[in-house]
Amino acid sequence: PQKIWATIRKLKGSSNIMIPSTLMFDDVEYTSTPLVNKFNDHFLHAGIANNPGTNNLTNDLCGYISSHSTNSIFLSPCTADEICKLIKSLKTDSAAGYDEIKARPIIHVADILCAPLCHICNSALSTGIFPASMKIAKVVVLHKGGSLNDLNNYRPISVLPLFSKVLELVVKFRLTQFLDEKRALVDNQFGFRKNKSTEEA
């Protein structure tokens, strides 16, 4: 699916347009901070309004868990070498978060950053606390098409700091290893699994 969408986007061409600094919503003109607040309020309520909840689900979600493991997960400490490899695996074109730190300079100084970042990651693993500064998102507003003066024609993209991505990968690898070893997921779970693809579903 990823390749298919990449091909579709290439054929269609880039549709991203610059959003004007002043917009009209319901015959009211918004600009600067009021415009930002208008988008924020819309996105907050749109998420709640479009959430169907769990009452209408036709399948029991527990049916997708193959077995109940009596073992609890242990998030093993990471090493500086692991962190260094994760930093160097970041995509150079990854968008910067609110801190405006981009991937390319981080990758160039990975050998210097790996030790302190390893300490931060291990502290998060041992305490179970995700650093608050790593959860601050820069929200980018994208126009989906149609009228610029219709709030429903926009969608938000939350961009987290790149250091947050490293900690997420540390947790992801340990969690997926635990789930695979305990065979906790059904064989028909294809998405987001190693050596599996939704194309096989």
N, C-alpha and C. Protein backbone atom coordinates (compact mmCIF):
# COMPACT_ATOMS: atom_id res chain seq x y z
N PRO A 1 0.81 -1.21 0.00
CA PRO A 1 0.00 0.00 0.00
C PRO A 1 0.85 1.27 0.00
N GLN A 2 1.98 1.22 0.71
CA GLN A 2 2.85 2.39 0.78
C GLN A 2 3.37 2.76 -0.61
N LYS A 3 3.77 1.73 -1.38
CA LYS A 3 4.28 1.96 -2.73
C LYS A 3 3.16 2.45 -3.65
N ILE A 4 1.96 1.90 -3.45
CA ILE A 4 0.82 2.29 -4.28
C ILE A 4 0.51 3.77 -4.08
N TRP A 5 0.44 4.20 -2.81
CA TRP A 5 0.13 5.60 -2.53
C TRP A 5 1.24 6.52 -3.00
N ALA A 6 2.48 6.06 -2.91
CA ALA A 6 3.60 6.87 -3.40
C ALA A 6 3.48 7.09 -4.90
N THR A 7 3.07 6.04 -5.62
CA THR A 7 2.87 6.14 -7.07
C THR A 7 1.72 7.08 -7.40
N ILE A 8 0.62 6.95 -6.65
CA ILE A 8 -0.54 7.82 -6.87
C ILE A 8 -0.18 9.28 -6.65
N ARG A 9 0.56 9.56 -5.56
CA ARG A 9 0.96 10.94 -5.27
C ARG A 9 1.87 11.49 -6.36
N LYS A 10 2.74 10.60 -6.90
CA LYS A 10 3.66 11.03 -7.96
C LYS A 10 2.90 11.38 -9.23
N LEU A 11 1.88 10.57 -9.56
CA LEU A 11 1.08 10.81 -10.76
C LEU A 11 0.21 12.06 -10.62
N LYS A 12 -0.33 12.26 -9.42
CA LYS A 12 -1.19 13.42 -9.20
C LYS A 12 -0.40 14.70 -9.08
N GLY A 13 0.85 14.56 -8.61
CA GLY A 13 1.64 15.75 -8.36
C GLY A 13 1.33 16.31 -6.98
N SER A 14 2.16 17.19 -6.50
CA SER A 14 1.97 17.77 -5.18
C SER A 14 0.74 18.67 -5.15
N SER A 15 -0.13 18.43 -4.17
CA SER A 15 -1.35 19.24 -4.06
C SER A 15 -1.29 20.20 -2.88
N ASN A 16 -0.14 20.21 -2.17
CA ASN A 16 -0.01 21.09 -1.02
C ASN A 16 0.02 22.55 -1.49
N ILE A 17 -0.84 23.36 -0.90
CA ILE A 17 -0.85 24.77 -1.25
C ILE A 17 -0.61 25.59 0.00
N MET A 18 -0.14 26.80 -0.20
CA MET A 18 0.11 27.70 0.91
C MET A 18 -1.22 28.20 1.46
N ILE A 19 -1.42 28.03 2.76
CA ILE A 19 -2.66 28.48 3.39
C ILE A 19 -2.54 29.98 3.66
N PRO A 20 -3.51 30.78 3.22
CA PRO A 20 -3.46 32.23 3.44
C PRO A 20 -3.40 32.58 4.93
N SER A 21 -2.84 33.72 5.24
CA SER A 21 -2.73 34.15 6.64
C SER A 21 -4.05 34.67 7.18
N THR A 22 -5.00 34.93 6.29
CA THR A 22 -6.34 35.37 6.69
C THR A 22 -7.39 34.51 5.99
N LEU A 23 -8.34 33.99 6.77
CA LEU A 23 -9.39 33.14 6.21
C LEU A 23 -10.75 33.57 6.75
N MET A 24 -11.79 33.23 5.99
CA MET A 24 -13.16 33.54 6.40
C MET A 24 -13.88 32.24 6.75
N PHE A 25 -14.40 32.16 7.97
CA PHE A 25 -15.20 31.02 8.39
C PHE A 25 -16.53 31.54 8.93
N ASP A 26 -17.64 31.11 8.35
CA ASP A 26 -18.97 31.56 8.78
C ASP A 26 -19.07 33.08 8.77
N ASP A 27 -18.54 33.68 7.70
CA ASP A 27 -18.60 35.14 7.49
C ASP A 27 -17.81 35.94 8.53
N VAL A 28 -16.92 35.27 9.23
CA VAL A 28 -16.06 35.96 10.20
C VAL A 28 -14.62 35.82 9.73
N GLU A 29 -13.89 36.93 9.74
CA GLU A 29 -12.50 36.92 9.29
C GLU A 29 -11.57 36.56 10.45
N TYR A 30 -10.67 35.62 10.18
CA TYR A 30 -9.72 35.19 11.20
C TYR A 30 -8.30 35.36 10.67
N THR A 31 -7.41 35.81 11.54
CA THR A 31 -6.01 35.95 11.18
C THR A 31 -5.16 35.80 12.44
N SER A 32 -3.89 35.50 12.26
CA SER A 32 -2.93 35.41 13.36
C SER A 32 -3.41 34.44 14.45
N THR A 33 -3.31 34.85 15.72
CA THR A 33 -3.65 33.97 16.84
C THR A 33 -5.11 33.50 16.82
N PRO A 34 -6.09 34.36 16.53
CA PRO A 34 -7.48 33.88 16.45
C PRO A 34 -7.66 32.78 15.40
N LEU A 35 -6.91 32.85 14.29
CA LEU A 35 -7.00 31.82 13.26
C LEU A 35 -6.44 30.50 13.77
N VAL A 36 -5.31 30.58 14.46
CA VAL A 36 -4.70 29.37 15.04
C VAL A 36 -5.65 28.74 16.05
N ASN A 37 -6.24 29.57 16.90
CA ASN A 37 -7.18 29.06 17.91
C ASN A 37 -8.42 28.45 17.27
N LYS A 38 -8.86 29.02 16.15
CA LYS A 38 -10.03 28.50 15.44
C LYS A 38 -9.75 27.10 14.91
N PHE A 39 -8.57 26.92 14.30
CA PHE A 39 -8.18 25.60 13.81
C PHE A 39 -8.08 24.61 14.97
N ASN A 40 -7.43 25.04 16.05
CA ASN A 40 -7.23 24.17 17.21
C ASN A 40 -8.57 23.71 17.79
N ASP A 41 -9.50 24.64 17.95
CA ASP A 41 -10.81 24.30 18.50
C ASP A 41 -11.56 23.33 17.58
N HIS A 42 -11.45 23.56 16.27
CA HIS A 42 -12.13 22.68 15.30
C HIS A 42 -11.56 21.26 15.36
N PHE A 43 -10.23 21.15 15.37
CA PHE A 43 -9.61 19.82 15.37
C PHE A 43 -9.92 19.06 16.66
N LEU A 44 -9.98 19.76 17.78
CA LEU A 44 -10.29 19.11 19.05
C LEU A 44 -11.70 18.52 19.03
N HIS A 45 -12.66 19.28 18.55
CA HIS A 45 -14.05 18.81 18.55
C HIS A 45 -14.34 17.85 17.40
N ALA A 46 -13.62 18.00 16.29
CA ALA A 46 -13.83 17.10 15.15
C ALA A 46 -13.44 15.68 15.52
N GLY A 47 -12.37 15.54 16.29
CA GLY A 47 -11.93 14.21 16.72
C GLY A 47 -12.95 13.52 17.59
N ILE A 48 -13.59 14.29 18.47
CA ILE A 48 -14.61 13.73 19.36
C ILE A 48 -15.87 13.39 18.58
N ALA A 49 -16.27 14.28 17.67
CA ALA A 49 -17.51 14.09 16.91
C ALA A 49 -17.42 12.89 15.97
N ASN A 50 -16.22 12.65 15.42
CA ASN A 50 -16.06 11.56 14.45
C ASN A 50 -15.67 10.23 15.07
N ASN A 51 -15.56 10.19 16.41
CA ASN A 51 -15.17 8.96 17.09
C ASN A 51 -16.41 8.10 17.31
N PRO A 52 -16.50 6.94 16.65
CA PRO A 52 -17.69 6.10 16.79
C PRO A 52 -17.77 5.38 18.13
N GLY A 53 -16.66 5.40 18.90
CA GLY A 53 -16.66 4.69 20.16
C GLY A 53 -16.53 3.19 19.95
N THR A 54 -16.77 2.41 20.99
CA THR A 54 -16.62 0.95 20.88
C THR A 54 -17.96 0.23 20.92
N ASN A 55 -19.05 0.97 21.11
CA ASN A 55 -20.36 0.32 21.24
C ASN A 55 -20.82 -0.33 19.95
N ASN A 56 -20.38 0.21 18.80
CA ASN A 56 -20.86 -0.30 17.52
C ASN A 56 -19.93 -1.33 16.88
N LEU A 57 -18.90 -1.74 17.60
CA LEU A 57 -17.98 -2.72 17.04
C LEU A 57 -18.66 -4.07 16.91
N THR A 58 -18.48 -4.70 15.74
CA THR A 58 -19.12 -6.00 15.51
C THR A 58 -18.26 -7.16 16.01
N ASN A 59 -16.97 -6.93 16.15
CA ASN A 59 -16.07 -7.99 16.60
C ASN A 59 -15.51 -7.67 17.97
N ASP A 60 -15.37 -8.70 18.78
CA ASP A 60 -14.76 -8.54 20.08
C ASP A 60 -13.26 -8.35 19.89
N LEU A 61 -12.74 -7.22 20.36
CA LEU A 61 -11.33 -6.92 20.15
C LEU A 61 -10.42 -7.97 20.77
N CYS A 62 -10.87 -8.61 21.85
CA CYS A 62 -10.05 -9.63 22.50
C CYS A 62 -9.83 -10.84 21.59
N GLY A 63 -10.66 -10.97 20.57
CA GLY A 63 -10.50 -12.09 19.64
C GLY A 63 -9.24 -12.00 18.81
N TYR A 64 -8.63 -10.82 18.78
CA TYR A 64 -7.41 -10.65 18.00
C TYR A 64 -6.16 -10.95 18.83
N ILE A 65 -6.35 -11.26 20.09
CA ILE A 65 -5.25 -11.68 20.95
C ILE A 65 -5.29 -13.19 21.02
N SER A 66 -4.22 -13.85 20.58
CA SER A 66 -4.26 -15.31 20.46
C SER A 66 -4.23 -16.02 21.80
N SER A 67 -3.58 -15.44 22.79
CA SER A 67 -3.49 -16.11 24.09
C SER A 67 -3.27 -15.08 25.19
N HIS A 68 -3.60 -15.48 26.39
CA HIS A 68 -3.37 -14.61 27.54
C HIS A 68 -2.06 -15.02 28.20
N SER A 69 -1.05 -14.17 28.07
CA SER A 69 0.26 -14.49 28.65
C SER A 69 0.27 -14.14 30.13
N THR A 70 0.82 -15.04 30.91
CA THR A 70 0.93 -14.79 32.35
C THR A 70 2.22 -14.06 32.67
N ASN A 71 3.06 -13.86 31.65
CA ASN A 71 4.34 -13.18 31.85
C ASN A 71 4.17 -11.67 31.65
N SER A 72 4.80 -10.91 32.51
CA SER A 72 4.79 -9.45 32.33
C SER A 72 6.01 -9.06 31.51
N ILE A 73 5.89 -7.98 30.80
CA ILE A 73 6.98 -7.54 29.93
C ILE A 73 8.05 -6.81 30.74
N PHE A 74 9.30 -7.07 30.40
CA PHE A 74 10.42 -6.34 31.01
C PHE A 74 11.11 -5.57 29.91
N LEU A 75 11.13 -4.25 30.04
CA LEU A 75 11.78 -3.41 29.05
C LEU A 75 13.25 -3.30 29.40
N SER A 76 14.05 -4.12 28.74
CA SER A 76 15.49 -4.17 29.04
C SER A 76 16.17 -2.85 28.72
N PRO A 77 17.18 -2.48 29.50
CA PRO A 77 17.90 -1.23 29.25
C PRO A 77 18.54 -1.22 27.86
N CYS A 78 18.62 -0.04 27.27
CA CYS A 78 19.28 0.08 25.97
C CYS A 78 20.75 0.43 26.16
N THR A 79 21.51 0.31 25.10
CA THR A 79 22.93 0.63 25.14
C THR A 79 23.20 1.84 24.25
N ALA A 80 24.36 2.44 24.45
CA ALA A 80 24.74 3.59 23.63
C ALA A 80 24.87 3.19 22.16
N ASP A 81 25.35 1.97 21.92
CA ASP A 81 25.48 1.49 20.53
C ASP A 81 24.11 1.39 19.86
N GLU A 82 23.13 0.87 20.61
CA GLU A 82 21.77 0.76 20.05
C GLU A 82 21.22 2.13 19.70
N ILE A 83 21.40 3.09 20.62
CA ILE A 83 20.91 4.44 20.39
C ILE A 83 21.59 5.07 19.19
N CYS A 84 22.89 4.83 19.05
CA CYS A 84 23.65 5.38 17.93
C CYS A 84 23.09 4.86 16.60
N LYS A 85 22.80 3.56 16.55
CA LYS A 85 22.24 2.97 15.33
C LYS A 85 20.85 3.52 15.03
N LEU A 86 20.05 3.73 16.07
CA LEU A 86 18.71 4.27 15.88
C LEU A 86 18.76 5.71 15.36
N ILE A 87 19.69 6.49 15.90
CA ILE A 87 19.84 7.88 15.44
C ILE A 87 20.21 7.89 13.96
N LYS A 88 21.15 7.02 13.59
CA LYS A 88 21.62 6.99 12.20
C LYS A 88 20.58 6.40 11.25
N SER A 89 19.55 5.75 11.81
CA SER A 89 18.49 5.19 10.97
C SER A 89 17.39 6.20 10.66
N LEU A 90 17.45 7.37 11.30
CA LEU A 90 16.44 8.40 11.06
C LEU A 90 16.50 8.87 9.61
N LYS A 91 15.36 9.13 9.03
CA LYS A 91 15.31 9.63 7.65
C LYS A 91 15.79 11.08 7.64
N THR A 92 16.69 11.38 6.73
CA THR A 92 17.27 12.73 6.69
C THR A 92 16.25 13.80 6.33
N ASP A 93 15.15 13.40 5.71
CA ASP A 93 14.13 14.38 5.33
C ASP A 93 12.99 14.46 6.35
N SER A 94 13.20 13.85 7.52
CA SER A 94 12.17 13.90 8.57
C SER A 94 11.94 15.35 9.00
N ALA A 95 10.69 15.69 9.20
CA ALA A 95 10.34 17.05 9.61
C ALA A 95 10.80 17.32 11.03
N ALA A 96 11.22 18.54 11.29
CA ALA A 96 11.65 18.93 12.63
C ALA A 96 10.43 19.21 13.50
N GLY A 97 10.56 18.96 14.80
CA GLY A 97 9.48 19.23 15.74
C GLY A 97 9.50 20.67 16.18
N TYR A 98 8.86 20.95 17.32
CA TYR A 98 8.78 22.32 17.83
C TYR A 98 10.15 22.90 18.14
N ASP A 99 11.14 22.01 18.42
CA ASP A 99 12.48 22.47 18.76
C ASP A 99 13.31 22.84 17.53
N GLU A 100 12.74 22.59 16.34
CA GLU A 100 13.37 22.92 15.05
C GLU A 100 14.69 22.17 14.82
N ILE A 101 14.89 21.06 15.52
CA ILE A 101 16.09 20.25 15.33
C ILE A 101 15.81 19.23 14.23
N LYS A 102 16.60 19.29 13.16
CA LYS A 102 16.40 18.40 12.02
C LYS A 102 17.27 17.15 12.12
N ALA A 103 16.94 16.16 11.31
CA ALA A 103 17.60 14.86 11.41
C ALA A 103 19.06 14.89 10.96
N ARG A 104 19.36 15.60 9.89
CA ARG A 104 20.71 15.55 9.33
C ARG A 104 21.80 15.93 10.34
N PRO A 105 21.68 17.07 11.05
CA PRO A 105 22.72 17.40 12.04
C PRO A 105 22.77 16.41 13.20
N ILE A 106 21.61 15.85 13.58
CA ILE A 106 21.59 14.85 14.65
C ILE A 106 22.39 13.63 14.24
N ILE A 107 22.20 13.20 13.01
CA ILE A 107 22.90 12.01 12.50
C ILE A 107 24.41 12.25 12.47
N HIS A 108 24.82 13.46 12.10
CA HIS A 108 26.25 13.77 12.01
C HIS A 108 26.95 13.72 13.37
N VAL A 109 26.22 14.00 14.44
CA VAL A 109 26.83 13.99 15.79
C VAL A 109 26.26 12.86 16.64
N ALA A 110 25.83 11.79 15.99
CA ALA A 110 25.24 10.66 16.70
C ALA A 110 26.17 10.08 17.75
N ASP A 111 27.47 10.02 17.44
CA ASP A 111 28.44 9.45 18.39
C ASP A 111 28.53 10.27 19.67
N ILE A 112 28.25 11.56 19.59
CA ILE A 112 28.29 12.42 20.77
C ILE A 112 26.98 12.35 21.55
N LEU A 113 25.88 12.24 20.83
CA LEU A 113 24.56 12.26 21.45
C LEU A 113 24.13 10.93 22.06
N CYS A 114 24.72 9.83 21.58
CA CYS A 114 24.21 8.51 21.97
C CYS A 114 24.26 8.25 23.47
N ALA A 115 25.33 8.66 24.15
CA ALA A 115 25.44 8.39 25.59
C ALA A 115 24.39 9.14 26.41
N PRO A 116 24.27 10.48 26.27
CA PRO A 116 23.24 11.17 27.06
C PRO A 116 21.82 10.76 26.69
N LEU A 117 21.59 10.49 25.40
CA LEU A 117 20.24 10.07 25.00
C LEU A 117 19.94 8.67 25.51
N CYS A 118 20.96 7.82 25.59
CA CYS A 118 20.80 6.48 26.16
C CYS A 118 20.39 6.59 27.63
N HIS A 119 21.00 7.52 28.34
CA HIS A 119 20.67 7.74 29.76
C HIS A 119 19.21 8.17 29.90
N ILE A 120 18.77 9.07 29.03
CA ILE A 120 17.38 9.55 29.07
C ILE A 120 16.41 8.41 28.78
N CYS A 121 16.73 7.61 27.76
CA CYS A 121 15.85 6.49 27.39
C CYS A 121 15.76 5.46 28.51
N ASN A 122 16.90 5.14 29.12
CA ASN A 122 16.90 4.16 30.21
C ASN A 122 16.14 4.68 31.43
N SER A 123 16.24 5.98 31.66
CA SER A 123 15.50 6.59 32.77
C SER A 123 13.99 6.47 32.51
N ALA A 124 13.59 6.68 31.26
CA ALA A 124 12.17 6.55 30.89
C ALA A 124 11.70 5.11 31.04
N LEU A 125 12.55 4.15 30.64
CA LEU A 125 12.18 2.73 30.74
C LEU A 125 12.05 2.29 32.19
N SER A 126 12.94 2.76 33.04
CA SER A 126 12.94 2.32 34.44
C SER A 126 11.84 2.98 35.27
N THR A 127 11.49 4.21 34.93
CA THR A 127 10.46 4.92 35.70
C THR A 127 9.07 4.80 35.08
N GLY A 128 9.03 4.46 33.79
CA GLY A 128 7.75 4.40 33.10
C GLY A 128 7.20 5.77 32.76
N ILE A 129 8.07 6.76 32.77
CA ILE A 129 7.64 8.14 32.48
C ILE A 129 8.26 8.62 31.18
N PHE A 130 7.42 8.98 30.22
CA PHE A 130 7.89 9.53 28.95
C PHE A 130 8.16 11.01 29.16
N PRO A 131 9.37 11.49 28.86
CA PRO A 131 9.71 12.90 29.10
C PRO A 131 8.69 13.85 28.49
N ALA A 132 8.21 14.79 29.29
CA ALA A 132 7.16 15.71 28.84
C ALA A 132 7.59 16.52 27.62
N SER A 133 8.86 16.93 27.58
CA SER A 133 9.32 17.76 26.46
C SER A 133 9.34 16.99 25.15
N MET A 134 9.37 15.66 25.22
CA MET A 134 9.35 14.85 24.01
C MET A 134 7.93 14.62 23.50
N LYS A 135 6.93 15.05 24.28
CA LYS A 135 5.54 14.85 23.87
C LYS A 135 4.92 16.12 23.28
N ILE A 136 5.70 17.21 23.26
CA ILE A 136 5.18 18.46 22.71
C ILE A 136 5.18 18.37 21.19
N ALA A 137 4.03 18.54 20.59
CA ALA A 137 3.91 18.40 19.13
C ALA A 137 3.76 19.75 18.45
N LYS A 138 4.39 19.86 17.29
CA LYS A 138 4.15 21.02 16.42
C LYS A 138 3.06 20.59 15.44
N VAL A 139 1.93 21.27 15.47
CA VAL A 139 0.80 20.90 14.63
C VAL A 139 0.84 21.70 13.33
N VAL A 140 0.91 20.97 12.22
CA VAL A 140 0.93 21.58 10.89
C VAL A 140 -0.44 21.37 10.25
N VAL A 141 -1.03 22.43 9.74
CA VAL A 141 -2.35 22.35 9.12
C VAL A 141 -2.20 22.13 7.62
N LEU A 142 -2.83 21.08 7.10
CA LEU A 142 -2.78 20.77 5.67
C LEU A 142 -4.16 20.92 5.04
N HIS A 143 -4.19 21.50 3.86
CA HIS A 143 -5.44 21.65 3.13
C HIS A 143 -5.68 20.41 2.29
N LYS A 144 -6.85 19.78 2.44
CA LYS A 144 -7.16 18.53 1.74
C LYS A 144 -7.73 18.76 0.35
N GLY A 145 -8.16 19.97 0.07
CA GLY A 145 -8.81 20.27 -1.20
C GLY A 145 -10.15 20.93 -0.95
N GLY A 146 -10.72 21.52 -1.98
CA GLY A 146 -12.00 22.20 -1.81
C GLY A 146 -11.81 23.63 -1.35
N SER A 147 -12.88 24.21 -0.82
CA SER A 147 -12.85 25.61 -0.40
C SER A 147 -11.88 25.83 0.75
N LEU A 148 -11.12 26.92 0.64
CA LEU A 148 -10.20 27.27 1.72
C LEU A 148 -10.95 27.78 2.94
N ASN A 149 -12.19 28.21 2.75
CA ASN A 149 -12.97 28.77 3.85
C ASN A 149 -13.90 27.77 4.51
N ASP A 150 -13.58 26.48 4.39
CA ASP A 150 -14.34 25.42 5.05
C ASP A 150 -13.38 24.65 5.96
N LEU A 151 -13.62 24.73 7.26
CA LEU A 151 -12.73 24.07 8.23
C LEU A 151 -12.64 22.57 8.02
N ASN A 152 -13.69 21.97 7.48
CA ASN A 152 -13.69 20.52 7.26
C ASN A 152 -12.74 20.10 6.15
N ASN A 153 -12.20 21.06 5.42
CA ASN A 153 -11.27 20.76 4.33
C ASN A 153 -9.81 20.80 4.78
N TYR A 154 -9.60 20.80 6.10
CA TYR A 154 -8.24 20.82 6.63
C TYR A 154 -8.04 19.64 7.56
N ARG A 155 -6.79 19.21 7.66
CA ARG A 155 -6.47 18.16 8.63
C ARG A 155 -5.15 18.50 9.31
N PRO A 156 -5.00 18.11 10.58
CA PRO A 156 -3.78 18.42 11.31
C PRO A 156 -2.75 17.30 11.22
N ILE A 157 -1.50 17.67 11.18
CA ILE A 157 -0.40 16.71 11.27
C ILE A 157 0.43 17.09 12.48
N SER A 158 0.55 16.19 13.44
CA SER A 158 1.34 16.46 14.65
C SER A 158 2.76 15.94 14.46
N VAL A 159 3.71 16.85 14.56
CA VAL A 159 5.13 16.50 14.37
C VAL A 159 5.83 16.55 15.72
N LEU A 160 6.33 15.41 16.16
CA LEU A 160 7.02 15.32 17.45
C LEU A 160 8.52 15.52 17.26
N PRO A 161 9.25 15.89 18.33
CA PRO A 161 10.70 16.03 18.23
C PRO A 161 11.34 14.72 17.80
N LEU A 162 12.44 14.80 17.06
CA LEU A 162 13.09 13.59 16.55
C LEU A 162 13.66 12.73 17.67
N PHE A 163 14.05 13.35 18.78
CA PHE A 163 14.55 12.55 19.90
C PHE A 163 13.44 11.66 20.45
N SER A 164 12.20 12.12 20.34
CA SER A 164 11.05 11.32 20.75
C SER A 164 10.97 10.05 19.92
N LYS A 165 11.28 10.17 18.63
CA LYS A 165 11.24 9.02 17.71
C LYS A 165 12.21 7.94 18.16
N VAL A 166 13.37 8.34 18.64
CA VAL A 166 14.37 7.37 19.10
C VAL A 166 13.83 6.57 20.28
N LEU A 167 13.25 7.25 21.25
CA LEU A 167 12.69 6.56 22.42
C LEU A 167 11.52 5.67 22.01
N GLU A 168 10.71 6.13 21.08
CA GLU A 168 9.60 5.32 20.58
C GLU A 168 10.10 4.02 19.96
N LEU A 169 11.20 4.11 19.20
CA LEU A 169 11.76 2.92 18.56
C LEU A 169 12.31 1.95 19.59
N VAL A 170 12.92 2.48 20.65
CA VAL A 170 13.45 1.63 21.73
C VAL A 170 12.31 0.81 22.33
N VAL A 171 11.20 1.46 22.64
CA VAL A 171 10.05 0.77 23.23
C VAL A 171 9.41 -0.17 22.22
N LYS A 172 9.30 0.27 20.97
CA LYS A 172 8.68 -0.54 19.92
C LYS A 172 9.39 -1.88 19.76
N PHE A 173 10.72 -1.86 19.65
CA PHE A 173 11.47 -3.09 19.44
C PHE A 173 11.29 -4.06 20.60
N ARG A 174 11.24 -3.56 21.82
CA ARG A 174 11.07 -4.43 22.98
C ARG A 174 9.65 -4.98 23.07
N LEU A 175 8.69 -4.14 22.73
CA LEU A 175 7.29 -4.57 22.77
C LEU A 175 7.00 -5.62 21.70
N THR A 176 7.46 -5.37 20.47
CA THR A 176 7.20 -6.34 19.39
C THR A 176 7.93 -7.66 19.64
N GLN A 177 9.12 -7.59 20.21
CA GLN A 177 9.86 -8.82 20.53
C GLN A 177 9.09 -9.65 21.55
N PHE A 178 8.54 -8.98 22.57
CA PHE A 178 7.76 -9.67 23.59
C PHE A 178 6.51 -10.30 22.99
N LEU A 179 5.79 -9.55 22.16
CA LEU A 179 4.56 -10.06 21.54
C LEU A 179 4.84 -11.23 20.62
N ASP A 180 5.96 -11.17 19.89
CA ASP A 180 6.32 -12.26 18.97
C ASP A 180 6.74 -13.51 19.74
N GLU A 181 7.55 -13.32 20.79
CA GLU A 181 8.02 -14.47 21.57
C GLU A 181 6.87 -15.18 22.26
N LYS A 182 5.90 -14.42 22.75
CA LYS A 182 4.76 -15.01 23.46
C LYS A 182 3.62 -15.36 22.50
N ARG A 183 3.83 -15.11 21.21
CA ARG A 183 2.82 -15.38 20.18
C ARG A 183 1.46 -14.81 20.61
N ALA A 184 1.51 -13.55 21.03
CA ALA A 184 0.31 -12.91 21.57
C ALA A 184 -0.63 -12.42 20.49
N LEU A 185 -0.12 -12.24 19.26
CA LEU A 185 -0.96 -11.75 18.18
C LEU A 185 -1.37 -12.88 17.25
N VAL A 186 -2.57 -12.79 16.72
CA VAL A 186 -3.04 -13.82 15.79
C VAL A 186 -2.24 -13.75 14.50
N ASP A 187 -2.17 -14.88 13.79
CA ASP A 187 -1.39 -14.94 12.55
C ASP A 187 -1.95 -14.02 11.47
N ASN A 188 -3.22 -13.67 11.58
CA ASN A 188 -3.84 -12.81 10.57
C ASN A 188 -3.59 -11.32 10.79
N GLN A 189 -2.76 -11.00 11.79
CA GLN A 189 -2.37 -9.61 12.00
C GLN A 189 -1.17 -9.33 11.10
N PHE A 190 -1.39 -8.61 10.00
CA PHE A 190 -0.33 -8.39 9.02
C PHE A 190 0.31 -7.00 9.13
N GLY A 191 -0.47 -6.01 9.51
CA GLY A 191 0.05 -4.64 9.55
C GLY A 191 1.03 -4.40 10.68
N PHE A 192 2.08 -3.63 10.38
CA PHE A 192 3.06 -3.20 11.38
C PHE A 192 3.78 -4.37 12.05
N ARG A 193 4.00 -5.44 11.28
CA ARG A 193 4.74 -6.59 11.82
C ARG A 193 5.89 -6.95 10.90
N LYS A 194 7.00 -7.36 11.50
CA LYS A 194 8.19 -7.72 10.74
C LYS A 194 7.91 -8.93 9.85
N ASN A 195 8.41 -8.87 8.63
CA ASN A 195 8.27 -9.94 7.63
C ASN A 195 6.81 -10.19 7.23
N LYS A 196 5.93 -9.23 7.52
CA LYS A 196 4.53 -9.34 7.11
C LYS A 196 4.11 -8.06 6.41
N SER A 197 3.12 -8.17 5.56
CA SER A 197 2.62 -7.01 4.83
C SER A 197 1.11 -7.11 4.69
N THR A 198 0.45 -5.96 4.69
CA THR A 198 -1.00 -5.96 4.52
C THR A 198 -1.39 -6.46 3.13
N GLU A 199 -0.43 -6.50 2.21
CA GLU A 199 -0.70 -7.03 0.87
C GLU A 199 -0.98 -8.53 0.92
N GLU A 200 -0.54 -9.19 2.02
CA GLU A 200 -0.75 -10.63 2.18
C GLU A 200 -2.11 -10.93 2.81
N ALA A 201 -2.76 -9.89 3.35
CA ALA A 201 -4.02 -10.11 4.08
C ALA A 201 -5.13 -10.62 3.16
